[in-house]
Protein backbone atom coordinates (compact mmCIF):
# COMPACT_ATOMS: atom_id res chain seq x y z
CA MET A 1 -52.93 73.33 19.98
CA PRO A 2 -56.08 73.81 17.89
CA SER A 3 -56.54 77.10 16.10
CA PRO A 4 -58.87 79.65 17.75
CA ALA A 5 -61.56 78.87 15.16
CA VAL A 6 -61.37 75.13 15.83
CA GLN A 7 -61.50 75.83 19.58
CA PHE A 8 -64.59 78.01 19.03
CA ALA A 9 -66.24 75.18 17.09
CA CYS A 10 -65.42 72.68 19.86
CA ASP A 11 -66.81 75.00 22.54
CA ASN A 12 -70.04 75.48 20.56
CA GLN A 13 -70.73 71.87 19.59
CA PRO A 14 -73.97 71.56 21.61
CA ARG A 15 -75.37 74.78 20.09
CA PHE A 16 -74.40 73.76 16.56
CA LEU A 17 -76.16 70.40 17.01
CA GLU A 18 -79.34 71.99 18.34
CA GLN A 19 -79.39 74.44 15.43
CA LEU A 20 -79.07 71.53 13.01
CA LYS A 21 -82.00 69.80 14.71
CA GLY A 22 -84.12 72.89 14.13
CA LEU A 23 -83.26 72.79 10.43
CA LEU A 24 -84.08 69.07 10.21
CA ARG A 25 -87.53 69.56 11.74
CA ILE A 26 -88.72 71.39 8.61
CA PRO A 27 -90.00 68.82 6.06
CA SER A 28 -88.44 70.44 2.97
CA VAL A 29 -89.48 67.66 0.57
CA SER A 30 -88.96 69.26 -2.82
CA THR A 31 -90.87 66.73 -4.91
CA LEU A 32 -94.21 67.08 -3.07
CA PRO A 33 -96.35 70.18 -3.81
CA GLU A 34 -97.84 70.16 -0.30
CA HIS A 35 -94.36 70.90 1.12
CA ARG A 36 -93.63 73.88 -1.12
CA GLY A 37 -94.09 76.25 1.82
CA ASP A 38 -91.76 74.16 3.97
CA VAL A 39 -89.06 74.31 1.31
CA ARG A 40 -89.30 78.12 1.19
CA ARG A 41 -89.31 78.32 4.98
CA THR A 42 -86.05 76.36 5.02
CA ALA A 43 -84.52 78.72 2.46
CA GLU A 44 -85.56 81.73 4.54
CA LEU A 45 -84.12 80.20 7.72
CA LEU A 46 -80.78 79.58 5.99
CA ALA A 47 -80.69 83.09 4.55
CA ALA A 48 -81.26 84.52 8.03
CA GLU A 49 -78.48 82.33 9.42
CA LEU A 50 -76.01 83.39 6.73
CA GLU A 51 -76.75 87.02 7.51
CA ARG A 52 -76.47 86.44 11.25
CA ILE A 53 -73.01 84.89 11.06
CA GLY A 54 -71.67 87.81 9.02
CA LEU A 55 -71.87 86.99 5.34
CA GLU A 56 -72.89 89.71 2.89
CA HIS A 57 -75.26 90.19 -0.05
CA VAL A 58 -77.57 87.50 1.31
CA ALA A 59 -80.48 86.91 -1.06
CA LEU A 60 -83.12 84.43 -2.15
CA ILE A 61 -82.86 83.94 -5.91
CA GLU A 62 -86.17 82.88 -7.40
CA THR A 63 -86.30 80.09 -9.99
CA GLU A 64 -89.18 78.36 -11.73
CA GLY A 65 -89.11 75.92 -8.81
CA HIS A 66 -87.68 76.40 -5.34
CA PRO A 67 -85.42 79.36 -4.50
CA LEU A 68 -81.64 79.44 -4.37
CA VAL A 69 -79.96 80.98 -1.32
CA TYR A 70 -76.91 83.16 -2.02
CA ALA A 71 -74.36 84.93 0.18
CA ASP A 72 -70.72 86.00 -0.09
CA TRP A 73 -67.70 87.50 1.66
CA LEU A 74 -65.08 88.75 -0.81
CA HIS A 75 -62.52 90.83 1.09
CA ALA A 76 -59.52 88.44 1.24
CA HIS A 77 -57.52 90.16 -1.47
CA GLY A 78 -55.02 87.92 -3.22
CA ARG A 79 -56.55 84.77 -1.80
CA PRO A 80 -58.61 82.16 -3.68
CA THR A 81 -62.40 82.20 -3.86
CA CYS A 82 -64.38 79.17 -2.76
CA LEU A 83 -67.92 78.46 -3.96
CA CYS A 84 -69.61 76.55 -1.13
CA TYR A 85 -72.47 74.46 -2.52
CA GLY A 86 -75.11 72.46 -0.72
CA HIS A 87 -78.79 71.56 -0.97
CA TYR A 88 -81.49 72.03 1.64
CA ASP A 89 -84.23 69.89 0.08
CA VAL A 90 -84.77 66.29 1.13
CA GLN A 91 -86.26 63.05 -0.17
CA PRO A 92 -89.77 61.96 0.87
CA PRO A 93 -89.63 59.91 4.10
CA ASP A 94 -91.68 56.95 2.86
CA PRO A 95 -92.21 54.24 3.97
CA LEU A 96 -93.04 55.88 7.29
CA GLU A 97 -93.72 52.62 9.12
CA GLU A 98 -90.06 51.62 8.82
CA TRP A 99 -88.75 54.61 10.78
CA ILE A 100 -87.83 53.86 14.38
CA SER A 101 -88.27 57.55 15.28
CA PRO A 102 -90.27 60.17 13.33
CA PRO A 103 -88.35 61.35 10.23
CA PHE A 104 -88.75 65.04 11.02
CA GLU A 105 -88.13 64.81 14.76
CA PRO A 106 -84.33 64.56 15.01
CA THR A 107 -83.36 61.87 17.52
CA GLU A 108 -79.95 61.04 18.97
CA ARG A 109 -79.27 57.32 19.10
CA ASN A 110 -76.02 55.30 19.25
CA GLY A 111 -73.86 58.33 18.52
CA SER A 112 -75.84 59.38 15.45
CA LEU A 113 -78.55 61.89 14.67
CA TYR A 114 -81.54 60.27 12.95
CA ALA A 115 -83.78 62.37 10.67
CA ARG A 116 -84.61 62.80 7.01
CA GLY A 117 -81.89 65.04 5.56
CA ALA A 118 -79.45 64.41 8.42
CA VAL A 119 -76.65 63.40 6.06
CA ASP A 120 -78.22 64.21 2.66
CA ASP A 121 -77.57 67.07 2.71
CA LYS A 122 -78.71 69.37 5.53
CA GLY A 123 -76.20 68.07 8.07
CA GLN A 124 -73.25 68.22 5.68
CA MET A 125 -74.29 71.55 4.16
CA TYR A 126 -74.67 73.02 7.66
CA MET A 127 -71.06 72.12 8.45
CA HIS A 128 -70.02 74.78 5.92
CA LEU A 129 -72.04 77.45 7.71
CA LYS A 130 -70.72 76.50 11.13
CA ALA A 131 -67.10 76.45 9.90
CA LEU A 132 -67.59 79.93 8.42
CA GLU A 133 -69.24 81.16 11.61
CA SER A 134 -66.31 79.89 13.70
CA LEU A 135 -63.77 81.66 11.49
CA LEU A 136 -65.74 84.92 11.38
CA ARG A 137 -66.23 84.99 15.16
CA VAL A 138 -62.54 84.64 16.05
CA GLN A 139 -61.12 86.75 13.24
CA GLY A 140 -63.08 89.94 13.76
CA GLY A 141 -65.59 89.30 11.01
CA ARG A 142 -62.99 88.29 8.44
CA LEU A 143 -62.30 85.04 6.56
CA PRO A 144 -58.93 83.66 5.41
CA ILE A 145 -60.21 83.27 1.84
CA ASN A 146 -63.04 84.65 -0.27
CA VAL A 147 -66.29 82.74 -0.12
CA ARG A 148 -69.50 82.55 -2.10
CA VAL A 149 -72.32 80.34 -0.83
CA ILE A 150 -75.03 78.91 -3.08
CA LEU A 151 -77.67 76.56 -1.64
CA GLU A 152 -80.40 74.96 -3.71
CA GLY A 153 -83.77 73.42 -2.96
CA GLU A 154 -84.18 71.12 -5.96
CA GLU A 155 -81.25 68.70 -5.91
CA GLU A 156 -83.52 65.76 -5.13
CA VAL A 157 -85.71 66.54 -8.15
CA GLY A 158 -83.01 67.15 -10.77
CA GLY A 159 -81.53 70.55 -9.89
CA GLU A 160 -82.90 72.32 -12.96
CA GLY A 161 -83.13 75.73 -11.26
CA ILE A 162 -79.49 75.94 -10.25
CA ALA A 163 -78.31 74.44 -13.54
CA SER A 164 -80.12 77.20 -15.43
CA PHE A 165 -78.76 79.89 -13.10
CA VAL A 166 -75.17 78.66 -13.42
CA GLN A 167 -75.46 78.59 -17.20
CA LYS A 168 -77.06 82.03 -17.50
CA HIS A 169 -75.18 83.91 -14.74
CA PRO A 170 -71.68 82.43 -14.37
CA GLU A 171 -70.31 85.83 -13.36
CA ARG A 172 -72.38 85.79 -10.15
CA LEU A 173 -70.70 82.56 -9.02
CA GLN A 174 -67.15 83.29 -10.17
CA ALA A 175 -64.70 81.33 -8.04
CA ASP A 176 -61.48 79.31 -8.17
CA PHE A 177 -63.05 76.06 -6.99
CA ALA A 178 -66.27 74.63 -5.58
CA LEU A 179 -66.59 72.89 -2.23
CA ILE A 180 -69.26 70.18 -1.93
CA SER A 181 -70.03 68.06 1.13
CA ASP A 182 -72.59 65.59 -0.19
CA THR A 183 -70.50 62.42 -0.33
CA GLU A 184 -69.38 59.77 2.14
CA MET A 185 -66.23 58.42 3.72
CA PHE A 186 -65.15 54.98 2.56
CA ALA A 187 -65.16 53.62 6.10
CA PRO A 188 -65.58 54.96 9.66
CA ASP A 189 -62.60 57.06 10.80
CA LEU A 190 -61.04 56.94 7.30
CA PRO A 191 -60.79 60.47 5.81
CA THR A 192 -61.94 60.31 2.21
CA LEU A 193 -62.10 62.62 -0.78
CA CYS A 194 -64.39 61.69 -3.65
CA VAL A 195 -62.75 62.36 -7.01
CA GLY A 196 -65.24 60.73 -9.38
CA LEU A 197 -68.99 60.49 -9.90
CA ARG A 198 -71.16 58.51 -12.23
CA GLY A 199 -73.54 60.46 -14.43
CA MET A 200 -77.18 59.60 -14.99
CA ILE A 201 -80.12 59.51 -17.32
CA TYR A 202 -83.48 59.11 -15.55
CA THR A 203 -86.27 58.05 -17.89
CA GLU A 204 -89.90 57.00 -17.98
CA ILE A 205 -91.32 54.48 -20.45
CA GLU A 206 -95.08 54.68 -20.93
CA ALA A 207 -96.82 51.78 -22.64
CA ARG A 208 -100.32 52.18 -24.07
CA GLY A 209 -102.59 49.38 -25.23
CA ALA A 210 -106.40 49.60 -25.46
CA ALA A 211 -108.26 52.90 -25.55
CA THR A 212 -109.58 52.34 -22.01
CA ASP A 213 -109.23 49.92 -19.10
CA LEU A 214 -110.77 46.56 -19.94
CA HIS A 215 -112.34 43.69 -17.97
CA SER A 216 -109.81 40.84 -18.00
CA GLY A 217 -112.55 38.20 -18.15
CA MET A 218 -114.16 39.68 -21.24
CA TYR A 219 -111.00 40.75 -23.06
CA GLY A 220 -108.11 38.77 -21.52
CA GLY A 221 -106.33 36.69 -24.16
CA ALA A 222 -107.11 39.11 -26.98
CA ALA A 223 -106.38 42.62 -25.70
CA PRO A 224 -102.75 43.78 -25.28
CA ASN A 225 -101.61 44.31 -21.68
CA PRO A 226 -99.20 47.27 -21.21
CA PHE A 227 -97.73 45.70 -18.07
CA PHE A 228 -96.73 42.54 -19.90
CA ALA A 229 -95.39 44.69 -22.72
CA LEU A 230 -93.17 46.56 -20.27
CA CYS A 231 -92.01 43.31 -18.68
CA GLN A 232 -91.03 41.97 -22.11
CA VAL A 233 -89.16 45.16 -23.00
CA LEU A 234 -87.38 45.55 -19.66
CA ALA A 235 -86.29 41.93 -19.59
CA GLN A 236 -84.36 42.51 -22.81
CA LEU A 237 -82.37 45.52 -21.56
CA LYS A 238 -79.97 43.58 -19.31
CA ASN A 239 -78.87 39.96 -19.08
CA SER A 240 -78.61 37.78 -15.98
CA ASP A 241 -74.95 38.76 -15.48
CA GLY A 242 -75.86 42.43 -15.30
CA ARG A 243 -74.50 43.30 -18.74
CA ILE A 244 -76.55 45.98 -20.52
CA LEU A 245 -77.79 44.76 -23.91
CA ILE A 246 -78.17 48.12 -25.66
CA PRO A 247 -76.01 47.95 -28.79
CA GLY A 248 -72.90 50.13 -28.58
CA ILE A 249 -73.50 51.15 -24.96
CA TYR A 250 -69.97 50.20 -23.85
CA ASP A 251 -68.17 51.85 -26.79
CA ASP A 252 -67.41 55.10 -24.94
CA VAL A 253 -66.66 53.63 -21.51
CA LYS A 254 -63.27 54.85 -20.27
CA GLU A 255 -61.58 52.33 -18.03
CA PRO A 256 -59.95 53.50 -14.77
CA SER A 257 -56.17 53.76 -14.81
CA ALA A 258 -53.94 50.99 -13.48
CA GLY A 259 -52.90 53.27 -10.62
CA GLU A 260 -56.51 53.95 -9.65
CA LEU A 261 -57.36 50.26 -9.72
CA ALA A 262 -54.36 49.50 -7.53
CA ALA A 263 -55.46 52.16 -5.04
CA TRP A 264 -58.96 50.66 -4.91
CA ARG A 265 -57.52 47.21 -4.22
CA SER A 266 -55.68 48.64 -1.21
CA LEU A 267 -58.86 50.00 0.41
CA PRO A 268 -60.28 48.18 3.47
CA PHE A 269 -63.15 46.56 1.59
CA ASP A 270 -64.68 43.27 2.73
CA GLU A 271 -67.17 41.94 0.18
CA ARG A 272 -68.91 39.71 2.75
CA GLU A 273 -69.34 42.63 5.19
CA PHE A 274 -70.62 44.80 2.34
CA LEU A 275 -73.17 42.13 1.46
CA ARG A 276 -74.25 41.52 5.04
CA HIS A 277 -74.35 45.02 6.53
CA GLU A 278 -74.97 47.37 3.59
CA VAL A 279 -76.86 45.40 0.95
CA GLY A 280 -78.58 42.92 3.25
CA SER A 281 -79.26 40.38 0.50
CA THR A 282 -78.22 36.78 -0.05
CA ALA A 283 -75.84 37.52 -2.95
CA LEU A 284 -74.35 40.36 -4.95
CA THR A 285 -75.14 40.71 -8.63
CA GLY A 286 -73.48 42.41 -11.59
CA GLU A 287 -70.78 41.76 -14.15
CA PRO A 288 -68.66 38.90 -12.77
CA ASP A 289 -65.49 39.99 -14.62
CA PHE A 290 -65.25 43.18 -12.55
CA SER A 291 -64.65 43.73 -8.84
CA VAL A 292 -67.47 45.05 -6.68
CA LEU A 293 -65.83 48.48 -6.44
CA GLN A 294 -65.41 48.62 -10.22
CA ARG A 295 -69.09 47.73 -10.64
CA LEU A 296 -70.07 50.47 -8.19
CA TRP A 297 -67.76 53.22 -9.44
CA ALA A 298 -66.60 52.60 -13.00
CA ARG A 299 -69.26 50.58 -14.85
CA PRO A 300 -72.57 51.78 -16.33
CA THR A 301 -75.76 50.40 -14.84
CA LEU A 302 -79.44 50.12 -15.71
CA GLU A 303 -82.04 49.94 -12.94
CA ILE A 304 -85.85 49.87 -12.69
CA HIS A 305 -87.29 52.05 -9.91
CA GLY A 306 -91.05 51.67 -10.19
CA MET A 307 -93.92 50.59 -12.44
CA PRO A 308 -97.00 52.72 -11.73
CA GLY A 309 -100.31 51.82 -13.33
CA GLY A 310 -103.27 49.46 -13.07
CA PHE A 311 -104.87 48.55 -9.76
CA THR A 312 -102.78 48.46 -6.58
CA GLY A 313 -105.42 48.92 -3.87
CA THR A 314 -106.61 46.43 -1.27
CA GLY A 315 -108.61 43.53 -2.65
CA ALA A 316 -109.05 42.55 -6.28
CA LYS A 317 -109.95 44.36 -9.48
CA THR A 318 -109.68 42.33 -12.67
CA VAL A 319 -108.59 45.07 -15.04
CA ILE A 320 -106.31 45.16 -18.06
CA PRO A 321 -104.97 48.72 -17.78
CA ALA A 322 -105.01 50.97 -20.81
CA LYS A 323 -101.56 52.24 -19.92
CA ALA A 324 -98.67 51.52 -17.59
CA ALA A 325 -95.27 53.05 -17.00
CA ALA A 326 -91.81 52.12 -15.82
CA LYS A 327 -89.24 54.47 -14.32
CA VAL A 328 -85.78 53.44 -15.47
CA SER A 329 -82.38 55.02 -14.91
CA MET A 330 -78.87 54.44 -16.17
CA ARG A 331 -75.70 55.45 -14.34
CA LEU A 332 -73.00 56.61 -16.72
CA VAL A 333 -69.20 56.59 -16.45
CA PRO A 334 -66.53 58.60 -18.28
CA ASP A 335 -66.69 59.17 -21.31
CA MET A 336 -70.42 58.46 -21.77
CA ALA A 337 -72.48 61.49 -22.86
CA PRO A 338 -76.02 61.63 -21.39
CA GLN A 339 -77.81 62.76 -24.58
CA LYS A 340 -76.03 60.22 -26.79
CA THR A 341 -76.70 57.47 -24.26
CA PHE A 342 -80.38 58.39 -24.03
CA GLN A 343 -80.80 58.25 -27.81
CA MET A 344 -79.19 54.79 -27.94
CA TYR A 345 -81.41 53.64 -25.07
CA LYS A 346 -84.56 55.12 -26.65
CA ARG A 347 -83.90 53.51 -30.03
CA HIS A 348 -83.34 50.12 -28.43
CA VAL A 349 -86.45 50.32 -26.23
CA GLU A 350 -88.58 51.30 -29.22
CA SER A 351 -87.14 48.44 -31.28
CA LEU A 352 -88.45 45.98 -28.66
CA CYS A 353 -92.06 47.26 -28.71
CA PRO A 354 -94.57 44.36 -28.75
CA LYS A 355 -97.46 44.41 -31.22
CA GLY A 356 -100.61 46.23 -30.16
CA ILE A 357 -98.57 48.56 -27.90
CA SER A 358 -97.27 52.09 -28.37
CA LEU A 359 -94.29 53.28 -26.32
CA ASP A 360 -93.36 56.80 -25.25
CA VAL A 361 -89.78 57.03 -23.93
CA ARG A 362 -89.11 60.26 -22.03
CA LEU A 363 -85.96 61.73 -20.46
CA ILE A 364 -86.76 63.18 -17.04
CA HIS A 365 -83.31 64.50 -16.10
CA SER A 366 -79.65 63.77 -16.70
CA GLY A 367 -76.14 64.50 -15.44
CA ASP A 368 -72.60 64.05 -16.72
CA PRO A 369 -70.07 61.61 -15.26
CA ILE A 370 -67.03 63.33 -13.81
CA VAL A 371 -63.48 62.52 -12.71
CA ILE A 372 -61.49 65.25 -10.97
CA GLY A 373 -57.71 65.52 -10.99
CA VAL A 374 -56.02 65.47 -7.59
CA ASP A 375 -52.99 67.54 -8.59
CA ASN A 376 -54.35 70.95 -7.58
CA PRO A 377 -53.78 72.99 -4.40
CA TYR A 378 -57.42 72.75 -3.30
CA VAL A 379 -57.51 68.94 -3.22
CA GLN A 380 -54.11 68.91 -1.53
CA ALA A 381 -55.27 71.34 1.18
CA ALA A 382 -58.41 69.24 1.77
CA THR A 383 -56.28 66.10 1.98
CA GLU A 384 -54.03 67.64 4.64
CA ALA A 385 -56.91 69.16 6.65
CA MET A 386 -58.81 65.87 6.91
CA GLN A 387 -55.64 63.94 7.69
CA GLU A 388 -54.88 66.27 10.61
CA VAL A 389 -58.36 65.92 12.13
CA PHE A 390 -58.72 62.15 11.66
CA GLY A 391 -55.09 61.20 12.23
CA LYS A 392 -54.99 58.95 9.16
CA GLN A 393 -53.90 59.33 5.56
CA THR A 394 -56.72 60.59 3.33
CA VAL A 395 -57.82 58.20 0.55
CA PHE A 396 -59.25 59.01 -2.88
CA VAL A 397 -62.33 57.16 -4.11
CA ARG A 398 -65.09 57.48 -6.67
CA SER A 399 -68.80 57.37 -5.93
CA GLY A 400 -71.44 55.38 -7.72
CA GLY A 401 -73.89 58.24 -7.26
CA SER A 402 -74.42 61.39 -9.28
CA ILE A 403 -74.14 65.06 -8.36
CA PRO A 404 -75.11 66.87 -11.58
CA ILE A 405 -73.99 70.28 -10.30
CA VAL A 406 -70.33 69.16 -10.41
CA GLY A 407 -70.58 68.92 -14.19
CA ASP A 408 -72.38 72.27 -14.35
CA PHE A 409 -69.59 73.93 -12.39
CA GLU A 410 -66.96 72.41 -14.65
CA ARG A 411 -68.72 73.36 -17.90
CA SER A 412 -70.08 76.82 -17.07
CA LEU A 413 -67.69 78.11 -14.39
CA LYS A 414 -64.56 76.24 -15.56
CA ILE A 415 -63.67 75.30 -11.98
CA PRO A 416 -62.84 72.00 -10.25
CA SER A 417 -64.84 70.70 -7.31
CA VAL A 418 -63.52 69.45 -3.98
CA MET A 419 -65.91 66.75 -2.75
CA MET A 420 -65.20 66.64 0.97
CA GLY A 421 -67.90 64.46 2.52
CA PHE A 422 -68.34 63.01 6.00
CA GLY A 423 -71.23 60.59 5.64
CA LEU A 424 -70.84 56.86 6.21
CA PRO A 425 -71.82 53.95 3.93
CA ASP A 426 -74.59 52.84 6.30
CA ASP A 427 -76.20 56.28 6.80
CA ASN A 428 -79.38 55.22 4.90
CA LEU A 429 -79.63 58.27 2.68
CA HIS A 430 -82.88 58.11 0.65
CA ALA A 431 -84.06 55.32 2.98
CA PRO A 432 -85.85 55.04 6.33
CA ASN A 433 -83.76 55.80 9.44
CA GLU A 434 -81.36 58.15 7.68
CA LYS A 435 -78.64 59.23 10.08
CA PHE A 436 -75.44 61.27 10.45
CA SER A 437 -72.63 60.48 12.85
CA ILE A 438 -72.55 63.31 15.40
CA ALA A 439 -68.78 62.87 15.74
CA ASN A 440 -68.42 63.27 11.97
CA PHE A 441 -70.58 66.40 12.07
CA TYR A 442 -68.12 67.93 14.52
CA ARG A 443 -65.02 66.58 12.77
CA GLY A 444 -66.36 67.82 9.46
CA ILE A 445 -66.61 71.36 10.81
CA GLU A 446 -63.04 71.15 12.14
CA SER A 447 -61.76 69.76 8.82
CA LEU A 448 -63.44 72.56 6.88
CA ILE A 449 -61.94 75.19 9.18
CA GLY A 450 -58.48 73.68 8.65
CA PHE A 451 -59.09 73.58 4.90
CA PHE A 452 -60.00 77.27 4.74
CA GLU A 453 -57.09 78.23 6.98
CA ARG A 454 -54.56 76.34 4.85
CA LEU A 455 -55.74 78.05 1.68
CA GLY A 456 -55.63 81.40 3.45
CA HIS A 457 -52.03 80.90 4.48
CA GLY A 458 -51.20 79.72 0.93
């Protein structure tokens, strides 16, 4: 028999889904100034919801960017305190023409809910609120454990506001562990806990040549071209096998343990299916001496994301631009330190500068790589809760992505994080037609209820 709280959640599934749709209709795109009001409106809606379900001390905490949303319930004496984290901002929806249904009009299709933010992270964050609501409703306004909730609106643009708050006010977020649902399951119907994340440095290289844009007919062949300069530099950062060519970059890389590698080999991973259904290319790339999962989870990477500059409009304009830029990131693995890695990267980029060009190498934001031990009661309770709901043994994986707040919690709050995510590999986060399995939305709520109840019975 399900617990009363799980039964409440099951009985209220249609309402929970409609409430999520309302949240997804607000275009809370944190990187675009024209959506600043939408981001605040989302924060205000979430604050009102936290107050409605029975949490206390609900407040918007102002930052230099978008506000944090805080709430707590701290009356479970002798029980652990959970810090529930999530983010309510979303990526821009571009390119719009590739969406089958409008990105901010949630649409049910093939058992999934399609909308920007459906899985990253409004849908997963909202599972926390609905699990807490279910527990509060059936337990007379009480929870089995103590809870603090902190929601941010800047995760998609670096999370500087919450990082500063955590560093300056750790006492306001004091807890025994953090709970984060912003990761994915390894495969459909396979309960998964993420226990490792790659870190990141996100950079911009600006190349400057002539004092002003020049006519390529009059000056081509004599004037330096910043785009060609960038191409020459970028081509020397990585070889054709995917190995990064920055001197010393692999010196601090900590290899996964033999046990972890064995566990990865036992996962239901089909390289051909991964290529066909997730990547959609003709071949996979990367270091040939490492498995695909090792390349995704335990090896550093270097990627180019965009090269703004020059003329990109319709038609032709024969211009040699005065400046051009490239946005470049590196994913880091234990034990690579972001600042040290950036300095090595910066020195190498500057050493490759072609004549007639000046380079400015800037760090936009960074995050630490993290690996979390599984031998604590919080991970064990999460493992059991997911296993009960899904009827399968929970697996441990790493993620190739980065969640900088996990490192902030570890450094400033001295607490581990439980990364209990319910997305799927093909959910298109950051891409057109982002989706979230409706069944996983419901099963996520049930798993979270079971998790809280296990810790409460401790």
